[in-house]
Amino acid sequence: MNPFAYTRATNQQAAIQAIAQQNAKFIAGGTNLLDLMKEHIEQPTRLIDINRLEFTQIVERNGGLRLGALAKNSDTANHRLVREHYPLVTQAILAGASAQLRNAATNGGNLMQRTRCYYFYDTAMPCNKREPDSGCGALEGFSRIHAIFGTSRQCIATHPSDMCVALAALDATVQVEGPQGPRSIPFAEFHRLPGDTPHIDTNLRRDELITAIDLPATANVFADHSYYLKVRDRASYAFALVSVAAALDIRNGLILEARVAMGGVAHKPWRATKAESALKGQRPEESSFRSAAEAEMQSAVGTEHNRFKIELGRRAIVRALTIAANSGRTA
């Protein structure tokens, strides 16, 4: 790990002013950033500790819920209002990492974590995310965990978060603050596909600070019929091969509205809009779920090593929707 200076921000404006310094980074839980620093992937010359800022509250707002950016993942998952009104978020958070990491990791940090692509972490290999225009080792290498949607010739890495998949499904909004004042970023626009700039993960400006994540009141209708399914190599402390956040608004025996997002399949949480469109107005039954899964997965493109994800994705969508329709019960 390279030497770095350390600053503890005592208020929001001090934090924003400090981040303007060259090669500075915010640190809260540090559960991903410190790993990246140890591997010489991130090499900030200054860390700005924001743990003393007052962004830890989880409160009702405009009929929805505001999650403080510095609230711990474990506190968020176990909060009464999250569990009652947005159980999809609770399920997704509890599917991620370990209890120890969830106790340290923050909501804002969860949004900012970087890919776990092997080639990104191996500094001896080419990686356009780590070093632009150096190449992508995964394109011709072992790509079992890599993306099947939204890829480019520059990058086929996947976004690692579970929480973010649920937030994408529920149309969350990210609140940020910078020198030009506050702004709101719809969750669908927060993370980026790789394109020609895979080293840029988000549309957050370098001098902006995440302050909160807003869950809309409209997402309350999915509380009774939602489920987060995570398929991984082992039962705990593993990243998703494929995950599905499924949420249904079922009335009078028909699906009035559907939300489906996927993890482990793209450079950002992947909103399965084709599946959602196919489900609207249909009966909540297996044939409808299979048609929706087929509609979404028909545009997936795999490699020699990860082509299995296409069929896995189909089955995961059907399984997650089936459980969601059954009020989130697995049996």
C-alpha atoms as a PDB file:
ATOM      1  CA  MET A   1       0.000   0.000   0.000  1.00  0.00           C
ATOM      2  CA  ASN A   2       1.357   3.420  -0.963  1.00  0.00           C
ATOM      3  CA  PRO A   3       1.692   6.226   1.604  1.00  0.00           C
ATOM      4  CA  PHE A   4      -1.288   8.571   1.827  1.00  0.00           C
ATOM      5  CA  ALA A   5      -2.485  11.564   3.823  1.00  0.00           C
ATOM      6  CA  TYR A   6      -5.591  11.305   6.019  1.00  0.00           C
ATOM      7  CA  THR A   7      -8.266  13.934   6.660  1.00  0.00           C
ATOM      8  CA  ARG A   8     -11.342  13.583   8.870  1.00  0.00           C
ATOM      9  CA  ALA A   9     -14.210  15.691   7.501  1.00  0.00           C
ATOM     10  CA  THR A  10     -16.353  17.269  10.214  1.00  0.00           C
ATOM     11  CA  ASN A  11     -19.128  18.507   7.926  1.00  0.00           C
ATOM     12  CA  GLN A  12     -20.481  18.080   4.430  1.00  0.00           C
ATOM     13  CA  GLN A  13     -18.926  21.203   2.932  1.00  0.00           C
ATOM     14  CA  ALA A  14     -15.507  20.344   4.353  1.00  0.00           C
ATOM     15  CA  ALA A  15     -15.737  16.917   2.735  1.00  0.00           C
ATOM     16  CA  ILE A  16     -16.680  18.384  -0.656  1.00  0.00           C
ATOM     17  CA  GLN A  17     -13.860  20.911  -0.492  1.00  0.00           C
ATOM     18  CA  ALA A  18     -11.338  18.241   0.483  1.00  0.00           C
ATOM     19  CA  ILE A  19     -12.267  15.868  -2.359  1.00  0.00           C
ATOM     20  CA  ALA A  20     -11.307  18.587  -4.860  1.00  0.00           C
ATOM     21  CA  GLN A  21      -7.677  17.882  -4.004  1.00  0.00           C
ATOM     22  CA  GLN A  22      -5.801  15.846  -6.567  1.00  0.00           C
ATOM     23  CA  ASN A  23      -6.228  12.078  -6.286  1.00  0.00           C
ATOM     24  CA  ALA A  24      -8.299  12.148  -3.084  1.00  0.00           C
ATOM     25  CA  LYS A  25     -10.906   9.520  -2.161  1.00  0.00           C
ATOM     26  CA  PHE A  26     -13.719   9.368   0.350  1.00  0.00           C
ATOM     27  CA  ILE A  27     -13.574   6.520   2.845  1.00  0.00           C
ATOM     28  CA  ALA A  28     -16.375   5.270   5.084  1.00  0.00           C
ATOM     29  CA  GLY A  29     -16.486   1.524   5.751  1.00  0.00           C
ATOM     30  CA  GLY A  30     -13.558   0.957   3.409  1.00  0.00           C
ATOM     31  CA  THR A  31     -14.503  -2.682   2.817  1.00  0.00           C
ATOM     32  CA  ASN A  32     -13.674  -2.456  -0.897  1.00  0.00           C
ATOM     33  CA  LEU A  33     -11.384   0.583  -1.143  1.00  0.00           C
ATOM     34  CA  LEU A  34      -8.792  -0.730   1.312  1.00  0.00           C
ATOM     35  CA  ASP A  35      -8.573  -4.033  -0.579  1.00  0.00           C
ATOM     36  CA  LEU A  36      -8.007  -2.112  -3.808  1.00  0.00           C
ATOM     37  CA  MET A  37      -5.303  -0.021  -2.156  1.00  0.00           C
ATOM     38  CA  LYS A  38      -3.524  -3.094  -0.822  1.00  0.00           C
ATOM     39  CA  GLU A  39      -3.464  -4.546  -4.357  1.00  0.00           C
ATOM     40  CA  HIS A  40      -2.136  -1.218  -5.776  1.00  0.00           C
ATOM     41  CA  ILE A  41      -5.230  -0.828  -7.978  1.00  0.00           C
ATOM     42  CA  GLU A  42      -6.424   2.318  -6.236  1.00  0.00           C
ATOM     43  CA  GLN A  43      -3.584   4.615  -5.125  1.00  0.00           C
ATOM     44  CA  PRO A  44      -5.109   7.779  -3.623  1.00  0.00           C
ATOM     45  CA  THR A  45      -2.707  10.260  -2.111  1.00  0.00           C
ATOM     46  CA  ARG A  46      -5.325  11.395   0.421  1.00  0.00           C
ATOM     47  CA  LEU A  47      -8.229   9.652   2.162  1.00  0.00           C
ATOM     48  CA  ILE A  48     -11.103  11.769   3.451  1.00  0.00           C
ATOM     49  CA  ASP A  49     -12.914  10.068   6.326  1.00  0.00           C
ATOM     50  CA  ILE A  50     -16.620  10.951   6.150  1.00  0.00           C
ATOM     51  CA  ASN A  51     -17.852   8.799   9.029  1.00  0.00           C
ATOM     52  CA  ARG A  52     -18.647  11.826  11.195  1.00  0.00           C
ATOM     53  CA  LEU A  53     -21.136  13.240   8.684  1.00  0.00           C
ATOM     54  CA  GLU A  54     -24.795  12.931   9.632  1.00  0.00           C
ATOM     55  CA  PHE A  55     -25.998  10.652   6.844  1.00  0.00           C
ATOM     56  CA  THR A  56     -26.874   7.624   8.956  1.00  0.00           C
ATOM     57  CA  GLN A  57     -30.622   8.072   9.389  1.00  0.00           C
ATOM     58  CA  ILE A  58     -33.319   5.973   7.749  1.00  0.00           C
ATOM     59  CA  VAL A  59     -36.512   8.020   7.656  1.00  0.00           C
ATOM     60  CA  GLU A  60     -39.849   8.237   5.869  1.00  0.00           C
ATOM     61  CA  ARG A  61     -39.944  10.883   3.167  1.00  0.00           C
ATOM     62  CA  ASN A  62     -42.769  11.798   0.748  1.00  0.00           C
ATOM     63  CA  GLY A  63     -44.455   8.474   1.388  1.00  0.00           C
ATOM     64  CA  GLY A  64     -41.274   6.577   0.596  1.00  0.00           C
ATOM     65  CA  LEU A  65     -38.073   5.954   2.527  1.00  0.00           C
ATOM     66  CA  ARG A  66     -34.742   7.759   2.640  1.00  0.00           C
ATOM     67  CA  LEU A  67     -31.676   5.608   3.353  1.00  0.00           C
ATOM     68  CA  GLY A  68     -28.731   7.603   4.655  1.00  0.00           C
ATOM     69  CA  ALA A  69     -25.574   7.048   2.629  1.00  0.00           C
ATOM     70  CA  LEU A  70     -23.588   6.319   5.803  1.00  0.00           C
ATOM     71  CA  ALA A  71     -26.118   3.928   7.319  1.00  0.00           C
ATOM     72  CA  LYS A  72     -24.529   0.504   7.666  1.00  0.00           C
ATOM     73  CA  ASN A  73     -25.767  -2.262   5.401  1.00  0.00           C
ATOM     74  CA  SER A  74     -26.733  -4.390   8.405  1.00  0.00           C
ATOM     75  CA  ASP A  75     -28.708  -1.543  10.016  1.00  0.00           C
ATOM     76  CA  THR A  76     -30.492  -0.892   6.734  1.00  0.00           C
ATOM     77  CA  ALA A  77     -31.423  -4.534   6.178  1.00  0.00           C
ATOM     78  CA  ASN A  78     -32.782  -4.892   9.697  1.00  0.00           C
ATOM     79  CA  HIS A  79     -34.641  -1.581   9.887  1.00  0.00           C
ATOM     80  CA  ARG A  80     -38.348  -2.103  10.545  1.00  0.00           C
ATOM     81  CA  LEU A  81     -39.519   0.158   7.719  1.00  0.00           C
ATOM     82  CA  VAL A  82     -37.199  -1.470   5.179  1.00  0.00           C
ATOM     83  CA  ARG A  83     -38.264  -4.970   6.194  1.00  0.00           C
ATOM     84  CA  GLU A  84     -41.977  -4.103   6.115  1.00  0.00           C
ATOM     85  CA  HIS A  85     -42.200  -1.925   3.016  1.00  0.00           C
ATOM     86  CA  TYR A  86     -39.137  -2.851   0.935  1.00  0.00           C
ATOM     87  CA  PRO A  87     -38.332  -6.478   1.838  1.00  0.00           C
ATOM     88  CA  LEU A  88     -36.559  -6.885  -1.507  1.00  0.00           C
ATOM     89  CA  VAL A  89     -33.830  -4.541  -0.239  1.00  0.00           C
ATOM     90  CA  THR A  90     -33.486  -6.478   3.018  1.00  0.00           C
ATOM     91  CA  GLN A  91     -33.198  -9.798   1.170  1.00  0.00           C
ATOM     92  CA  ALA A  92     -30.614  -8.445  -1.266  1.00  0.00           C
ATOM     93  CA  ILE A  93     -28.400  -6.944   1.435  1.00  0.00           C
ATOM     94  CA  LEU A  94     -28.507 -10.124   3.540  1.00  0.00           C
ATOM     95  CA  ALA A  95     -27.493 -12.150   0.474  1.00  0.00           C
ATOM     96  CA  GLY A  96     -24.294 -10.127   0.150  1.00  0.00           C
ATOM     97  CA  ALA A  97     -20.875 -10.465   1.753  1.00  0.00           C
ATOM     98  CA  SER A  98     -20.693 -11.643   5.387  1.00  0.00           C
ATOM     99  CA  ALA A  99     -22.245 -10.370   8.610  1.00  0.00           C
ATOM    100  CA  GLN A 100     -18.930  -8.761   9.590  1.00  0.00           C
ATOM    101  CA  LEU A 101     -18.648  -6.882   6.303  1.00  0.00           C
ATOM    102  CA  ARG A 102     -22.302  -5.792   6.385  1.00  0.00           C
ATOM    103  CA  ASN A 103     -21.657  -4.342   9.849  1.00  0.00           C
ATOM    104  CA  ALA A 104     -18.906  -2.123   8.397  1.00  0.00           C
ATOM    105  CA  ALA A 105     -20.080  -1.410   4.847  1.00  0.00           C
ATOM    106  CA  THR A 106     -22.223   1.645   4.136  1.00  0.00           C
ATOM    107  CA  ASN A 107     -25.080   2.177   1.693  1.00  0.00           C
ATOM    108  CA  GLY A 108     -23.145   4.788  -0.278  1.00  0.00           C
ATOM    109  CA  GLY A 109     -20.085   2.580  -0.397  1.00  0.00           C
ATOM    110  CA  ASN A 110     -22.181  -0.307  -1.701  1.00  0.00           C
ATOM    111  CA  LEU A 111     -23.068   1.801  -4.733  1.00  0.00           C
ATOM    112  CA  MET A 112     -19.410   2.635  -5.366  1.00  0.00           C
ATOM    113  CA  GLN A 113     -17.821  -0.804  -5.063  1.00  0.00           C
ATOM    114  CA  ARG A 114     -15.859  -1.991  -8.074  1.00  0.00           C
ATOM    115  CA  THR A 115     -15.855  -5.193 -10.087  1.00  0.00           C
ATOM    116  CA  ARG A 116     -14.328  -8.432  -8.807  1.00  0.00           C
ATOM    117  CA  CYS A 117     -13.072  -9.407 -12.274  1.00  0.00           C
ATOM    118  CA  TYR A 118      -9.908 -11.506 -11.898  1.00  0.00           C
ATOM    119  CA  TYR A 119      -8.078  -9.447 -14.523  1.00  0.00           C
ATOM    120  CA  PHE A 120      -8.942  -6.153 -12.816  1.00  0.00           C
ATOM    121  CA  TYR A 121      -7.295  -7.411  -9.622  1.00  0.00           C
ATOM    122  CA  ASP A 122      -4.260  -8.953 -11.336  1.00  0.00           C
ATOM    123  CA  THR A 123      -1.941  -6.050 -12.144  1.00  0.00           C
ATOM    124  CA  ALA A 124       0.188  -8.314 -14.349  1.00  0.00           C
ATOM    125  CA  MET A 125      -2.751  -8.655 -16.780  1.00  0.00           C
ATOM    126  CA  PRO A 126      -4.159  -6.065 -19.192  1.00  0.00           C
ATOM    127  CA  CYS A 127      -7.352  -4.363 -17.999  1.00  0.00           C
ATOM    128  CA  ASN A 128      -9.042  -1.339 -19.539  1.00  0.00           C
ATOM    129  CA  LYS A 129     -10.861  -0.615 -16.281  1.00  0.00           C
ATOM    130  CA  ARG A 130      -7.606  -0.403 -14.356  1.00  0.00           C
ATOM    131  CA  GLU A 131      -5.473   1.102 -17.133  1.00  0.00           C
ATOM    132  CA  PRO A 132      -7.394   2.560 -20.117  1.00  0.00           C
ATOM    133  CA  ASP A 133      -6.346   1.278 -23.559  1.00  0.00           C
ATOM    134  CA  SER A 134      -4.237  -1.554 -22.125  1.00  0.00           C
ATOM    135  CA  GLY A 135      -6.636  -4.252 -23.359  1.00  0.00           C
ATOM    136  CA  CYS A 136      -9.047  -6.700 -21.740  1.00  0.00           C
ATOM    137  CA  GLY A 137      -7.599  -9.968 -20.500  1.00  0.00           C
ATOM    138  CA  ALA A 138     -11.042 -11.481 -20.012  1.00  0.00           C
ATOM    139  CA  LEU A 139     -11.984 -11.299 -23.712  1.00  0.00           C
ATOM    140  CA  GLU A 140      -9.607 -14.125 -24.611  1.00  0.00           C
ATOM    141  CA  GLY A 141      -9.160 -15.483 -21.094  1.00  0.00           C
ATOM    142  CA  PHE A 142     -11.209 -17.401 -18.547  1.00  0.00           C
ATOM    143  CA  SER A 143     -14.530 -15.555 -18.375  1.00  0.00           C
ATOM    144  CA  ARG A 144     -16.849 -17.732 -16.292  1.00  0.00           C
ATOM    145  CA  ILE A 145     -18.023 -14.891 -14.009  1.00  0.00           C
ATOM    146  CA  HIS A 146     -18.290 -12.245 -16.704  1.00  0.00           C
ATOM    147  CA  ALA A 147     -21.106 -10.325 -18.376  1.00  0.00           C
ATOM    148  CA  ILE A 148     -23.648 -11.512 -20.934  1.00  0.00           C
ATOM    149  CA  PHE A 149     -25.481  -8.172 -21.375  1.00  0.00           C
ATOM    150  CA  GLY A 150     -24.257  -4.721 -22.376  1.00  0.00           C
ATOM    151  CA  THR A 151     -20.653  -5.694 -23.011  1.00  0.00           C
ATOM    152  CA  SER A 152     -18.150  -4.007 -25.314  1.00  0.00           C
ATOM    153  CA  ARG A 153     -14.823  -4.902 -26.880  1.00  0.00           C
ATOM    154  CA  GLN A 154     -13.282  -2.864 -24.068  1.00  0.00           C
ATOM    155  CA  CYS A 155     -14.735  -4.742 -21.083  1.00  0.00           C
ATOM    156  CA  ILE A 156     -16.951  -7.671 -20.058  1.00  0.00           C
ATOM    157  CA  ALA A 157     -16.701  -7.212 -16.276  1.00  0.00           C
ATOM    158  CA  THR A 158     -19.761  -7.384 -14.012  1.00  0.00           C
ATOM    159  CA  HIS A 159     -20.991  -5.181 -11.178  1.00  0.00           C
ATOM    160  CA  PRO A 160     -20.712  -7.084  -7.866  1.00  0.00           C
ATOM    161  CA  SER A 161     -23.468  -5.570  -5.688  1.00  0.00           C
ATOM    162  CA  ASP A 162     -26.600  -7.350  -4.462  1.00  0.00           C
ATOM    163  CA  MET A 163     -28.192  -4.314  -2.831  1.00  0.00           C
ATOM    164  CA  CYS A 164     -27.902  -2.337  -6.068  1.00  0.00           C
ATOM    165  CA  VAL A 165     -29.909  -4.941  -7.986  1.00  0.00           C
ATOM    166  CA  ALA A 166     -32.847  -4.447  -5.627  1.00  0.00           C
ATOM    167  CA  LEU A 167     -32.477  -0.657  -5.789  1.00  0.00           C
ATOM    168  CA  ALA A 168     -32.522  -0.825  -9.595  1.00  0.00           C
ATOM    169  CA  ALA A 169     -35.711  -2.900  -9.559  1.00  0.00           C
ATOM    170  CA  LEU A 170     -37.452  -0.462  -7.208  1.00  0.00           C
ATOM    171  CA  ASP A 171     -36.528   2.707  -9.155  1.00  0.00           C
ATOM    172  CA  ALA A 172     -34.484   4.244  -6.344  1.00  0.00           C
ATOM    173  CA  THR A 173     -32.946   7.703  -6.651  1.00  0.00           C
ATOM    174  CA  VAL A 174     -29.444   8.652  -5.512  1.00  0.00           C
ATOM    175  CA  GLN A 175     -29.073  12.022  -3.789  1.00  0.00           C
ATOM    176  CA  VAL A 176     -25.690  13.706  -4.156  1.00  0.00           C
ATOM    177  CA  GLU A 177     -24.104  17.016  -3.178  1.00  0.00           C
ATOM    178  CA  GLY A 178     -21.259  18.868  -4.870  1.00  0.00           C
ATOM    179  CA  PRO A 179     -19.816  22.350  -5.353  1.00  0.00           C
ATOM    180  CA  GLN A 180     -22.748  23.217  -7.644  1.00  0.00           C
ATOM    181  CA  GLY A 181     -25.267  22.092  -5.030  1.00  0.00           C
ATOM    182  CA  PRO A 182     -27.499  19.024  -4.702  1.00  0.00           C
ATOM    183  CA  ARG A 183     -28.792  16.866  -7.518  1.00  0.00           C
ATOM    184  CA  SER A 184     -30.826  13.680  -7.877  1.00  0.00           C
ATOM    185  CA  ILE A 185     -29.678  10.785 -10.069  1.00  0.00           C
ATOM    186  CA  PRO A 186     -32.243   8.124 -11.066  1.00  0.00           C
ATOM    187  CA  PHE A 187     -30.756   4.758 -10.187  1.00  0.00           C
ATOM    188  CA  ALA A 188     -30.936   3.554 -13.786  1.00  0.00           C
ATOM    189  CA  GLU A 189     -28.571   6.414 -14.715  1.00  0.00           C
ATOM    190  CA  PHE A 190     -26.150   6.106 -11.811  1.00  0.00           C
ATOM    191  CA  HIS A 191     -24.022   3.187 -13.030  1.00  0.00           C
ATOM    192  CA  ARG A 192     -22.659   2.943 -16.571  1.00  0.00           C
ATOM    193  CA  LEU A 193     -22.191   0.250 -19.197  1.00  0.00           C
ATOM    194  CA  PRO A 194     -18.546  -0.072 -20.301  1.00  0.00           C
ATOM    195  CA  GLY A 195     -18.686   1.267 -23.864  1.00  0.00           C
ATOM    196  CA  ASP A 196     -15.322   2.861 -24.667  1.00  0.00           C
ATOM    197  CA  THR A 197     -14.777   4.102 -21.092  1.00  0.00           C
ATOM    198  CA  PRO A 198     -14.972   1.055 -18.792  1.00  0.00           C
ATOM    199  CA  HIS A 199     -12.747   2.794 -16.224  1.00  0.00           C
ATOM    200  CA  ILE A 200     -15.669   5.147 -15.448  1.00  0.00           C
ATOM    201  CA  ASP A 201     -18.088   3.127 -13.320  1.00  0.00           C
ATOM    202  CA  THR A 202     -20.706   5.751 -12.479  1.00  0.00           C
ATOM    203  CA  ASN A 203     -22.072   9.148 -13.485  1.00  0.00           C
ATOM    204  CA  LEU A 204     -21.143  10.584 -10.097  1.00  0.00           C
ATOM    205  CA  ARG A 205     -18.775  13.499 -10.545  1.00  0.00           C
ATOM    206  CA  ARG A 206     -15.409  13.246  -8.834  1.00  0.00           C
ATOM    207  CA  ASP A 207     -16.204  16.188  -6.544  1.00  0.00           C
ATOM    208  CA  GLU A 208     -19.652  14.930  -5.496  1.00  0.00           C
ATOM    209  CA  LEU A 209     -20.668  13.160  -2.300  1.00  0.00           C
ATOM    210  CA  ILE A 210     -23.514  10.632  -2.025  1.00  0.00           C
ATOM    211  CA  THR A 211     -25.811  11.740   0.806  1.00  0.00           C
ATOM    212  CA  ALA A 212     -28.828   9.418   0.560  1.00  0.00           C
ATOM    213  CA  ILE A 213     -30.778   6.864  -1.446  1.00  0.00           C
ATOM    214  CA  ASP A 214     -34.516   7.415  -1.847  1.00  0.00           C
ATOM    215  CA  LEU A 215     -36.971   4.556  -2.250  1.00  0.00           C
ATOM    216  CA  PRO A 216     -40.217   5.795  -3.836  1.00  0.00           C
ATOM    217  CA  ALA A 217     -43.674   5.419  -2.319  1.00  0.00           C
ATOM    218  CA  THR A 218     -44.800   3.716  -5.532  1.00  0.00           C
ATOM    219  CA  ALA A 219     -42.565   0.734  -4.732  1.00  0.00           C
ATOM    220  CA  ASN A 220     -44.631  -0.045  -1.617  1.00  0.00           C
ATOM    221  CA  VAL A 221     -47.093  -1.964  -3.810  1.00  0.00           C
ATOM    222  CA  PHE A 222     -44.501  -4.715  -4.298  1.00  0.00           C
ATOM    223  CA  ALA A 223     -44.001  -5.479  -0.599  1.00  0.00           C
ATOM    224  CA  ASP A 224     -46.239  -8.567  -0.590  1.00  0.00           C
ATOM    225  CA  HIS A 225     -44.854 -10.127  -3.765  1.00  0.00           C
ATOM    226  CA  SER A 226     -41.108  -9.702  -4.023  1.00  0.00           C
ATOM    227  CA  TYR A 227     -38.075 -11.945  -3.807  1.00  0.00           C
ATOM    228  CA  TYR A 228     -34.308 -11.741  -4.289  1.00  0.00           C
ATOM    229  CA  LEU A 229     -32.724 -14.889  -5.682  1.00  0.00           C
ATOM    230  CA  LYS A 230     -28.955 -15.266  -5.728  1.00  0.00           C
ATOM    231  CA  VAL A 231     -27.246 -18.148  -7.525  1.00  0.00           C
ATOM    232  CA  ARG A 232     -23.609 -18.552  -6.521  1.00  0.00           C
ATOM    233  CA  ASP A 233     -20.883 -21.143  -6.199  1.00  0.00           C
ATOM    234  CA  ARG A 234     -21.243 -21.502  -2.450  1.00  0.00           C
ATOM    235  CA  ALA A 235     -23.982 -20.706   0.036  1.00  0.00           C
ATOM    236  CA  SER A 236     -22.340 -17.675   1.654  1.00  0.00           C
ATOM    237  CA  TYR A 237     -19.729 -14.992   1.079  1.00  0.00           C
ATOM    238  CA  ALA A 238     -19.676 -15.383  -2.697  1.00  0.00           C
ATOM    239  CA  PHE A 239     -20.610 -13.049  -5.520  1.00  0.00           C
ATOM    240  CA  ALA A 240     -23.528 -13.880  -7.781  1.00  0.00           C
ATOM    241  CA  LEU A 241     -23.151 -15.857 -10.967  1.00  0.00           C
ATOM    242  CA  VAL A 242     -26.703 -14.687 -11.637  1.00  0.00           C
ATOM    243  CA  SER A 243     -29.118 -12.930  -9.305  1.00  0.00           C
ATOM    244  CA  VAL A 244     -32.688 -11.748  -9.830  1.00  0.00           C
ATOM    245  CA  ALA A 245     -34.700  -9.138  -7.952  1.00  0.00           C
ATOM    246  CA  ALA A 246     -38.361  -9.797  -8.751  1.00  0.00           C
ATOM    247  CA  ALA A 247     -41.317  -7.710  -7.609  1.00  0.00           C
ATOM    248  CA  LEU A 248     -44.954  -8.028  -8.662  1.00  0.00           C
ATOM    249  CA  ASP A 249     -48.095  -5.989  -8.107  1.00  0.00           C
ATOM    250  CA  ILE A 250     -50.839  -8.601  -8.388  1.00  0.00           C
ATOM    251  CA  ARG A 251     -54.494  -7.543  -8.360  1.00  0.00           C
ATOM    252  CA  ASN A 252     -57.619  -9.517  -9.284  1.00  0.00           C
ATOM    253  CA  GLY A 253     -55.488 -12.432 -10.433  1.00  0.00           C
ATOM    254  CA  LEU A 254     -53.400 -10.398 -12.915  1.00  0.00           C
ATOM    255  CA  ILE A 255     -49.981  -8.778 -12.848  1.00  0.00           C
ATOM    256  CA  LEU A 256     -50.666  -5.048 -12.880  1.00  0.00           C
ATOM    257  CA  GLU A 257     -46.979  -4.095 -12.705  1.00  0.00           C
ATOM    258  CA  ALA A 258     -43.703  -6.033 -12.629  1.00  0.00           C
ATOM    259  CA  ARG A 259     -40.148  -5.099 -11.737  1.00  0.00           C
ATOM    260  CA  VAL A 260     -37.238  -7.368 -12.587  1.00  0.00           C
ATOM    261  CA  ALA A 261     -33.516  -6.627 -12.303  1.00  0.00           C
ATOM    262  CA  MET A 262     -30.508  -8.922 -12.585  1.00  0.00           C
ATOM    263  CA  GLY A 263     -27.038  -9.047 -11.055  1.00  0.00           C
ATOM    264  CA  GLY A 264     -23.888 -10.876 -12.147  1.00  0.00           C
ATOM    265  CA  VAL A 265     -24.752 -10.378 -15.823  1.00  0.00           C
ATOM    266  CA  ALA A 266     -23.655  -6.846 -16.755  1.00  0.00           C
ATOM    267  CA  HIS A 267     -21.313  -3.954 -15.953  1.00  0.00           C
ATOM    268  CA  LYS A 268     -24.217  -2.396 -13.999  1.00  0.00           C
ATOM    269  CA  PRO A 269     -27.343  -3.769 -12.306  1.00  0.00           C
ATOM    270  CA  TRP A 270     -29.344  -4.934 -15.319  1.00  0.00           C
ATOM    271  CA  ARG A 271     -32.976  -3.813 -15.474  1.00  0.00           C
ATOM    272  CA  ALA A 272     -34.889  -6.575 -17.284  1.00  0.00           C
ATOM    273  CA  THR A 273     -37.344  -4.314 -19.089  1.00  0.00           C
ATOM    274  CA  LYS A 274     -38.287  -6.880 -21.747  1.00  0.00           C
ATOM    275  CA  ALA A 275     -39.325  -9.323 -19.017  1.00  0.00           C
ATOM    276  CA  GLU A 276     -41.303  -6.597 -17.265  1.00  0.00           C
ATOM    277  CA  SER A 277     -43.195  -5.719 -20.437  1.00  0.00           C
ATOM    278  CA  ALA A 278     -43.997  -9.367 -21.119  1.00  0.00           C
ATOM    279  CA  LEU A 279     -45.422  -9.836 -17.613  1.00  0.00           C
ATOM    280  CA  LYS A 280     -47.771  -6.858 -17.546  1.00  0.00           C
ATOM    281  CA  GLY A 281     -51.420  -7.928 -17.711  1.00  0.00           C
ATOM    282  CA  GLN A 282     -50.576 -11.642 -17.509  1.00  0.00           C
ATOM    283  CA  ARG A 283     -51.644 -14.196 -14.945  1.00  0.00           C
ATOM    284  CA  PRO A 284     -48.942 -14.935 -12.323  1.00  0.00           C
ATOM    285  CA  GLU A 285     -48.201 -18.466 -13.492  1.00  0.00           C
ATOM    286  CA  GLU A 286     -45.273 -20.438 -14.808  1.00  0.00           C
ATOM    287  CA  SER A 287     -46.089 -20.045 -18.501  1.00  0.00           C
ATOM    288  CA  SER A 288     -46.085 -16.246 -18.120  1.00  0.00           C
ATOM    289  CA  PHE A 289     -42.821 -16.350 -16.211  1.00  0.00           C
ATOM    290  CA  ARG A 290     -41.163 -18.538 -18.846  1.00  0.00           C
ATOM    291  CA  SER A 291     -42.255 -16.222 -21.642  1.00  0.00           C
ATOM    292  CA  ALA A 292     -40.889 -13.228 -19.743  1.00  0.00           C
ATOM    293  CA  ALA A 293     -37.570 -14.982 -19.101  1.00  0.00           C
ATOM    294  CA  GLU A 294     -37.231 -15.923 -22.758  1.00  0.00           C
ATOM    295  CA  ALA A 295     -38.006 -12.363 -23.854  1.00  0.00           C
ATOM    296  CA  GLU A 296     -35.240 -11.003 -21.646  1.00  0.00           C
ATOM    297  CA  MET A 297     -32.560 -13.596 -22.253  1.00  0.00           C
ATOM    298  CA  GLN A 298     -32.833 -13.755 -26.039  1.00  0.00           C
ATOM    299  CA  SER A 299     -30.425 -10.810 -26.383  1.00  0.00           C
ATOM    300  CA  ALA A 300     -27.808 -12.263 -24.004  1.00  0.00           C
ATOM    301  CA  VAL A 301     -24.436 -13.099 -25.535  1.00  0.00           C
ATOM    302  CA  GLY A 302     -22.061 -15.442 -23.725  1.00  0.00           C
ATOM    303  CA  THR A 303     -18.452 -16.511 -24.117  1.00  0.00           C
ATOM    304  CA  GLU A 304     -17.044 -20.017 -24.218  1.00  0.00           C
ATOM    305  CA  HIS A 305     -16.845 -20.077 -20.425  1.00  0.00           C
ATOM    306  CA  ASN A 306     -19.989 -18.236 -19.334  1.00  0.00           C
ATOM    307  CA  ARG A 307     -22.575 -19.262 -21.915  1.00  0.00           C
ATOM    308  CA  PHE A 308     -24.199 -21.347 -19.186  1.00  0.00           C
ATOM    309  CA  LYS A 309     -25.386 -18.068 -17.626  1.00  0.00           C
ATOM    310  CA  ILE A 310     -27.980 -17.660 -20.400  1.00  0.00           C
ATOM    311  CA  GLU A 311     -29.924 -20.765 -19.419  1.00  0.00           C
ATOM    312  CA  LEU A 312     -29.186 -20.104 -15.752  1.00  0.00           C
ATOM    313  CA  GLY A 313     -30.640 -16.627 -16.191  1.00  0.00           C
ATOM    314  CA  ARG A 314     -33.828 -18.008 -17.714  1.00  0.00           C
ATOM    315  CA  ARG A 315     -34.324 -20.431 -14.867  1.00  0.00           C
ATOM    316  CA  ALA A 316     -33.432 -17.854 -12.222  1.00  0.00           C
ATOM    317  CA  ILE A 317     -36.008 -15.378 -13.555  1.00  0.00           C
ATOM    318  CA  VAL A 318     -38.727 -18.040 -13.515  1.00  0.00           C
ATOM    319  CA  ARG A 319     -37.762 -19.190 -10.032  1.00  0.00           C
ATOM    320  CA  ALA A 320     -37.610 -15.667  -8.566  1.00  0.00           C
ATOM    321  CA  LEU A 321     -40.960 -14.689 -10.102  1.00  0.00           C
ATOM    322  CA  THR A 322     -42.587 -17.896  -8.900  1.00  0.00           C
ATOM    323  CA  ILE A 323     -41.468 -17.277  -5.318  1.00  0.00           C
ATOM    324  CA  ALA A 324     -42.436 -13.592  -5.509  1.00  0.00           C
ATOM    325  CA  ALA A 325     -45.912 -14.508  -6.735  1.00  0.00           C
ATOM    326  CA  ASN A 326     -46.201 -16.916  -3.824  1.00  0.00           C
ATOM    327  CA  SER A 327     -45.749 -13.982  -1.403  1.00  0.00           C
ATOM    328  CA  GLY A 328     -41.999 -14.527  -1.142  1.00  0.00           C
ATOM    329  CA  ARG A 329     -42.346 -18.065   0.216  1.00  0.00           C
ATOM    330  CA  THR A 330     -40.023 -20.707  -1.181  1.00  0.00           C
ATOM    331  CA  ALA A 331     -42.363 -23.586  -0.435  1.00  0.00           C
END
